[in-house]
Amino acid sequence: MRALPAFFLGSVLLCGAGPASAVDTAPARELDPVHVNAMRDPEIRKYKAILAGLDAFDRHHKMAPAVERLTFRATARKPDESPARLAARLVGDDGFSLALPIGADGRFVVPRSDAAASAESELELNRKRRAYRVNPDIRTPGLPANQRRLGDLRLECKVTVAIAKEEIPLFWVLAINTVMLTSDWCSFFDEKRQARFGFHADGPVTGAVLREGERSLDLTAKDTSFEVPLGSPEWSDEAVVELRFADAATGTAGETPRTAP
């Protein structure tokens, strides 16, 4: 894998782009209507960036036509020992607040809202900053828990990149465009360049294979992640990544496997 482009993209997509100084000085707020005090340094993502992700989902929806709407998932970076139930909301200027129902599996939907946009809202969890990661979670219904459809992953990448481009400085966008020689970052990751895009799995994995018809390709899988050549044109959106979990996961897409972090 070519290290330099992957480093640039990994830095902006996985490390977070929100300015620390703006977060560190933010006072704690009470999180209504669940009545849980927001902890200092909550995880925050700009609503403007989320809207860019929603636009990308609509624009490239044909990659995953069976997925009705964009879903996000909050996953703990390490075991969450807080006694408070995980909660999310949009919070903005002039006291604007909109609670976002979040499931036991950490999945939630962020609606389009003119009021949230006008208030320059941010997504806030009632946890310390960086305690959780929030990522798009696109899964065609009915697939086993150990399978990910390639079109779903491609659409996840499109949404992730659209969000990142709104969150990071223009300098970084232009720099990555220059290094990759394209503004379509997801297309960069293919077998020809020996570059693959990394995704989080639902638990520790020991292997991953990309399959379509009689063809198969072994993928890199380590810890709780796996890497996919998203831009390789010889694989259609219907190709499937089969994951081997350290402990067998059960259920179908949309359910919580036993190995969920």
Protein backbone atom coordinates (compact mmCIF):
# COMPACT_ATOMS: atom_id res chain seq x y z
CA MET A 1 0.00 0.00 0.00
CA ARG A 2 1.30 3.45 -0.88
CA ALA A 3 1.96 4.97 2.51
CA LEU A 4 1.93 8.72 1.84
CA PRO A 5 -1.61 9.12 0.44
CA ALA A 6 -2.98 6.69 3.01
CA PHE A 7 -1.31 8.69 5.78
CA PHE A 8 -2.82 11.96 4.57
CA LEU A 9 -6.31 10.53 4.25
CA GLY A 10 -6.12 8.55 7.47
CA SER A 11 -5.05 11.66 9.35
CA VAL A 12 -8.13 13.65 8.37
CA LEU A 13 -10.71 10.84 8.40
CA LEU A 14 -9.74 8.97 11.54
CA CYS A 15 -8.12 11.50 13.82
CA GLY A 16 -10.89 14.09 13.82
CA ALA A 17 -10.78 17.59 12.45
CA GLY A 18 -12.57 19.75 15.01
CA PRO A 19 -10.39 22.46 16.58
CA ALA A 20 -9.39 21.32 20.06
CA SER A 21 -9.25 24.81 21.49
CA ALA A 22 -12.89 25.44 20.64
CA VAL A 23 -13.93 22.23 22.35
CA ASP A 24 -11.70 22.38 25.40
CA THR A 25 -13.13 25.70 26.54
CA ALA A 26 -16.78 24.80 25.95
CA PRO A 27 -18.84 24.73 29.15
CA ALA A 28 -20.82 21.63 30.05
CA ARG A 29 -24.48 21.78 29.08
CA GLU A 30 -27.46 19.81 30.30
CA LEU A 31 -28.59 17.30 27.69
CA ASP A 32 -32.38 17.47 27.27
CA PRO A 33 -34.70 15.64 27.14
CA VAL A 34 -32.78 12.72 28.59
CA HIS A 35 -31.52 14.86 31.48
CA VAL A 36 -27.90 13.71 31.38
CA ASN A 37 -25.16 16.25 31.96
CA ALA A 38 -22.87 16.59 28.95
CA MET A 39 -19.31 15.83 29.99
CA ARG A 40 -16.48 18.22 29.27
CA ASP A 41 -14.93 17.87 25.78
CA PRO A 42 -17.86 16.06 24.14
CA GLU A 43 -17.47 14.49 20.70
CA ILE A 44 -18.62 17.14 18.23
CA ARG A 45 -19.12 17.16 14.46
CA LYS A 46 -20.42 20.14 12.53
CA TYR A 47 -23.97 19.84 11.24
CA LYS A 48 -22.85 21.55 8.04
CA ALA A 49 -20.51 18.62 7.46
CA ILE A 50 -23.25 16.10 8.21
CA LEU A 51 -25.44 17.81 5.60
CA ALA A 52 -22.63 17.33 3.10
CA GLY A 53 -22.71 13.64 3.99
CA LEU A 54 -26.48 13.49 3.49
CA ASP A 55 -26.06 15.15 0.09
CA ALA A 56 -23.38 12.61 -0.88
CA PHE A 57 -25.66 9.77 0.20
CA ASP A 58 -28.46 11.07 -2.04
CA ARG A 59 -26.09 11.75 -4.93
CA HIS A 60 -24.54 8.27 -4.91
CA HIS A 61 -27.53 6.31 -3.60
CA LYS A 62 -27.47 3.98 -6.61
CA MET A 63 -24.45 2.27 -5.05
CA ALA A 64 -26.72 0.92 -2.30
CA PRO A 65 -30.31 1.25 -3.59
CA ALA A 66 -31.82 -1.01 -0.91
CA VAL A 67 -30.60 1.27 1.90
CA GLU A 68 -33.42 3.74 2.59
CA ARG A 69 -31.57 6.37 4.58
CA LEU A 70 -28.16 7.33 5.90
CA THR A 71 -27.42 5.98 9.36
CA PHE A 72 -24.57 6.90 11.66
CA ARG A 73 -23.04 4.71 14.32
CA ALA A 74 -21.23 5.71 17.50
CA THR A 75 -18.74 3.12 18.73
CA ALA A 76 -16.60 3.31 21.85
CA ARG A 77 -12.85 3.50 21.32
CA LYS A 78 -12.39 1.63 24.58
CA PRO A 79 -14.83 0.05 27.07
CA ASP A 80 -17.43 2.62 28.14
CA GLU A 81 -17.70 2.55 31.92
CA SER A 82 -20.11 5.47 32.20
CA PRO A 83 -23.37 4.60 34.01
CA ALA A 84 -25.23 7.10 31.84
CA ARG A 85 -26.97 5.88 28.71
CA LEU A 86 -25.30 7.11 25.52
CA ALA A 87 -27.18 10.11 24.15
CA ALA A 88 -26.80 12.41 21.17
CA ARG A 89 -28.18 15.77 20.14
CA LEU A 90 -27.67 18.69 17.81
CA VAL A 91 -26.88 21.87 19.72
CA GLY A 92 -26.43 25.35 18.30
CA ASP A 93 -26.79 29.08 18.71
CA ASP A 94 -29.56 30.79 20.70
CA GLY A 95 -30.28 27.68 22.75
CA PHE A 96 -31.12 25.43 19.81
CA SER A 97 -31.19 21.75 20.80
CA LEU A 98 -32.55 18.69 19.01
CA ALA A 99 -32.32 15.27 20.65
CA LEU A 100 -31.37 12.39 18.35
CA PRO A 101 -32.73 8.98 19.39
CA ILE A 102 -29.83 6.53 19.54
CA GLY A 103 -30.28 2.75 19.64
CA ALA A 104 -28.60 0.25 21.91
CA ASP A 105 -26.32 -0.61 19.00
CA GLY A 106 -25.15 3.01 18.76
CA ARG A 107 -26.96 3.69 15.48
CA PHE A 108 -28.90 6.89 14.88
CA VAL A 109 -30.23 9.11 12.11
CA VAL A 110 -29.52 12.83 11.73
CA PRO A 111 -32.44 14.60 10.00
CA ARG A 112 -32.29 17.56 7.66
CA SER A 113 -33.29 20.65 9.63
CA ASP A 114 -33.31 24.26 8.48
CA ALA A 115 -33.39 25.33 12.12
CA ALA A 116 -30.30 23.26 12.94
CA ALA A 117 -28.46 24.69 9.96
CA SER A 118 -29.40 28.28 10.84
CA ALA A 119 -28.17 27.72 14.39
CA GLU A 120 -24.82 26.43 13.06
CA SER A 121 -25.39 23.30 15.09
CA GLU A 122 -22.94 20.61 16.08
CA LEU A 123 -23.41 16.93 16.86
CA GLU A 124 -22.74 16.27 20.52
CA LEU A 125 -22.51 13.05 22.53
CA ASN A 126 -22.67 12.94 26.32
CA ARG A 127 -19.17 11.51 26.50
CA LYS A 128 -15.65 12.92 26.62
CA ARG A 129 -14.17 13.97 23.30
CA ARG A 130 -12.64 11.06 21.36
CA ALA A 131 -14.19 8.49 23.70
CA TYR A 132 -16.39 7.52 20.76
CA ARG A 133 -15.98 7.59 17.01
CA VAL A 134 -18.96 8.47 14.83
CA ASN A 135 -19.03 7.07 11.31
CA PRO A 136 -21.55 6.54 8.51
CA ASP A 137 -22.99 3.02 8.71
CA ILE A 138 -24.51 1.81 5.43
CA ARG A 139 -25.73 -1.79 5.25
CA THR A 140 -28.03 -3.45 2.77
CA PRO A 141 -30.76 -5.26 4.76
CA GLY A 142 -30.68 -9.03 4.98
CA LEU A 143 -26.95 -9.66 4.74
CA PRO A 144 -25.32 -11.91 7.37
CA ALA A 145 -23.41 -10.02 10.04
CA ASN A 146 -20.07 -11.22 8.62
CA GLN A 147 -20.72 -9.80 5.14
CA ARG A 148 -20.37 -6.25 3.79
CA ARG A 149 -21.59 -5.41 0.29
CA LEU A 150 -18.97 -3.51 -1.74
CA GLY A 151 -21.47 -0.91 -2.96
CA ASP A 152 -22.37 -0.15 0.66
CA LEU A 153 -18.71 0.36 1.52
CA ARG A 154 -18.19 2.56 -1.52
CA LEU A 155 -21.12 4.73 -0.48
CA GLU A 156 -19.78 4.88 3.09
CA CYS A 157 -16.51 6.20 1.68
CA LYS A 158 -18.30 8.82 -0.43
CA VAL A 159 -20.20 10.04 2.64
CA THR A 160 -17.12 9.96 4.89
CA VAL A 161 -15.04 11.95 2.42
CA ALA A 162 -17.82 14.52 1.88
CA ILE A 163 -18.00 15.06 5.64
CA ALA A 164 -14.20 15.27 5.98
CA LYS A 165 -13.93 17.88 3.24
CA GLU A 166 -16.32 20.14 5.18
CA GLU A 167 -14.54 19.63 8.49
CA ILE A 168 -10.90 20.07 7.53
CA PRO A 169 -9.15 23.23 6.30
CA LEU A 170 -9.14 23.87 2.56
CA PHE A 171 -5.36 23.53 2.65
CA TRP A 172 -5.68 19.85 3.54
CA VAL A 173 -8.29 19.23 0.86
CA LEU A 174 -6.03 20.75 -1.80
CA ALA A 175 -2.99 18.90 -0.46
CA ILE A 176 -4.74 15.53 -0.59
CA ASN A 177 -6.09 16.30 -4.06
CA THR A 178 -2.52 17.00 -5.17
CA VAL A 179 -1.04 13.86 -3.64
CA MET A 180 -3.78 11.62 -5.04
CA LEU A 181 -4.03 13.47 -8.36
CA THR A 182 -7.82 13.42 -8.02
CA SER A 183 -10.59 15.06 -6.01
CA ASP A 184 -12.43 11.72 -5.90
CA TRP A 185 -10.51 10.28 -2.99
CA CYS A 186 -12.44 7.00 -2.84
CA SER A 187 -11.48 6.10 -6.41
CA PHE A 188 -7.79 6.29 -5.51
CA PHE A 189 -7.92 3.04 -3.53
CA ASP A 190 -7.56 0.21 -6.03
CA GLU A 191 -5.43 -2.84 -6.76
CA LYS A 192 -3.44 -1.08 -9.51
CA ARG A 193 -2.04 1.36 -6.95
CA GLN A 194 -1.93 -1.32 -4.26
CA ALA A 195 -3.90 1.07 -2.06
CA ARG A 196 -6.87 0.07 0.03
CA PHE A 197 -9.36 1.98 2.18
CA GLY A 198 -9.76 0.86 5.80
CA PHE A 199 -13.08 0.13 7.50
CA HIS A 200 -14.00 -0.72 11.08
CA ALA A 201 -15.43 -4.20 11.65
CA ASP A 202 -18.01 -5.13 14.28
CA GLY A 203 -15.39 -6.94 16.32
CA PRO A 204 -11.93 -8.55 16.14
CA VAL A 205 -11.36 -10.14 12.72
CA THR A 206 -8.90 -12.83 11.67
CA GLY A 207 -9.42 -12.55 7.92
CA ALA A 208 -11.40 -11.00 5.07
CA VAL A 209 -12.10 -12.07 1.48
CA LEU A 210 -13.70 -10.11 -1.36
CA ARG A 211 -15.93 -12.39 -3.48
CA GLU A 212 -17.95 -12.04 -6.65
CA GLY A 213 -19.06 -15.07 -8.62
CA GLU A 214 -16.13 -17.48 -8.89
CA ARG A 215 -13.54 -14.79 -8.14
CA SER A 216 -12.04 -14.00 -4.77
CA LEU A 217 -9.37 -11.71 -3.35
CA ASP A 218 -7.77 -11.98 0.08
CA LEU A 219 -7.90 -8.68 1.97
CA THR A 220 -5.82 -7.35 4.83
CA ALA A 221 -7.63 -7.71 8.15
CA LYS A 222 -6.17 -6.86 11.54
CA ASP A 223 -7.62 -6.26 14.98
CA THR A 224 -11.04 -4.67 14.28
CA SER A 225 -10.43 -3.35 10.77
CA PHE A 226 -10.16 -4.51 7.17
CA GLU A 227 -8.95 -2.88 3.95
CA VAL A 228 -10.76 -2.83 0.59
CA PRO A 229 -9.72 -1.76 -2.95
CA LEU A 230 -12.80 0.42 -3.40
CA GLY A 231 -11.85 1.93 -6.74
CA SER A 232 -11.05 -1.31 -8.59
CA PRO A 233 -13.46 -1.30 -11.57
CA GLU A 234 -13.32 -5.08 -12.05
CA TRP A 235 -15.41 -5.52 -8.89
CA SER A 236 -19.05 -4.45 -9.09
CA ASP A 237 -21.14 -2.97 -6.28
CA GLU A 238 -22.65 -6.44 -5.77
CA ALA A 239 -19.33 -7.96 -4.68
CA VAL A 240 -19.28 -8.99 -1.03
CA VAL A 241 -16.60 -8.82 1.65
CA GLU A 242 -16.75 -11.88 3.90
CA LEU A 243 -15.24 -11.34 7.35
CA ARG A 244 -13.94 -14.01 9.69
CA PHE A 245 -14.50 -12.91 13.26
CA ALA A 246 -12.33 -14.05 16.12
CA ASP A 247 -15.58 -15.09 17.82
CA ALA A 248 -18.35 -15.97 15.36
CA ALA A 249 -20.88 -13.14 15.00
CA THR A 250 -24.55 -13.92 14.58
CA GLY A 251 -27.57 -12.15 13.13
CA THR A 252 -28.14 -10.12 9.99
CA ALA A 253 -27.39 -6.58 8.89
CA GLY A 254 -28.93 -4.05 11.21
CA GLU A 255 -28.63 -6.32 14.25
CA THR A 256 -25.90 -6.19 16.88
CA PRO A 257 -23.42 -9.09 16.58
CA ARG A 258 -22.02 -10.64 19.73
CA THR A 259 -18.62 -9.28 18.88
CA ALA A 260 -19.70 -5.64 18.65
CA PRO A 261 -17.14 -3.39 20.35
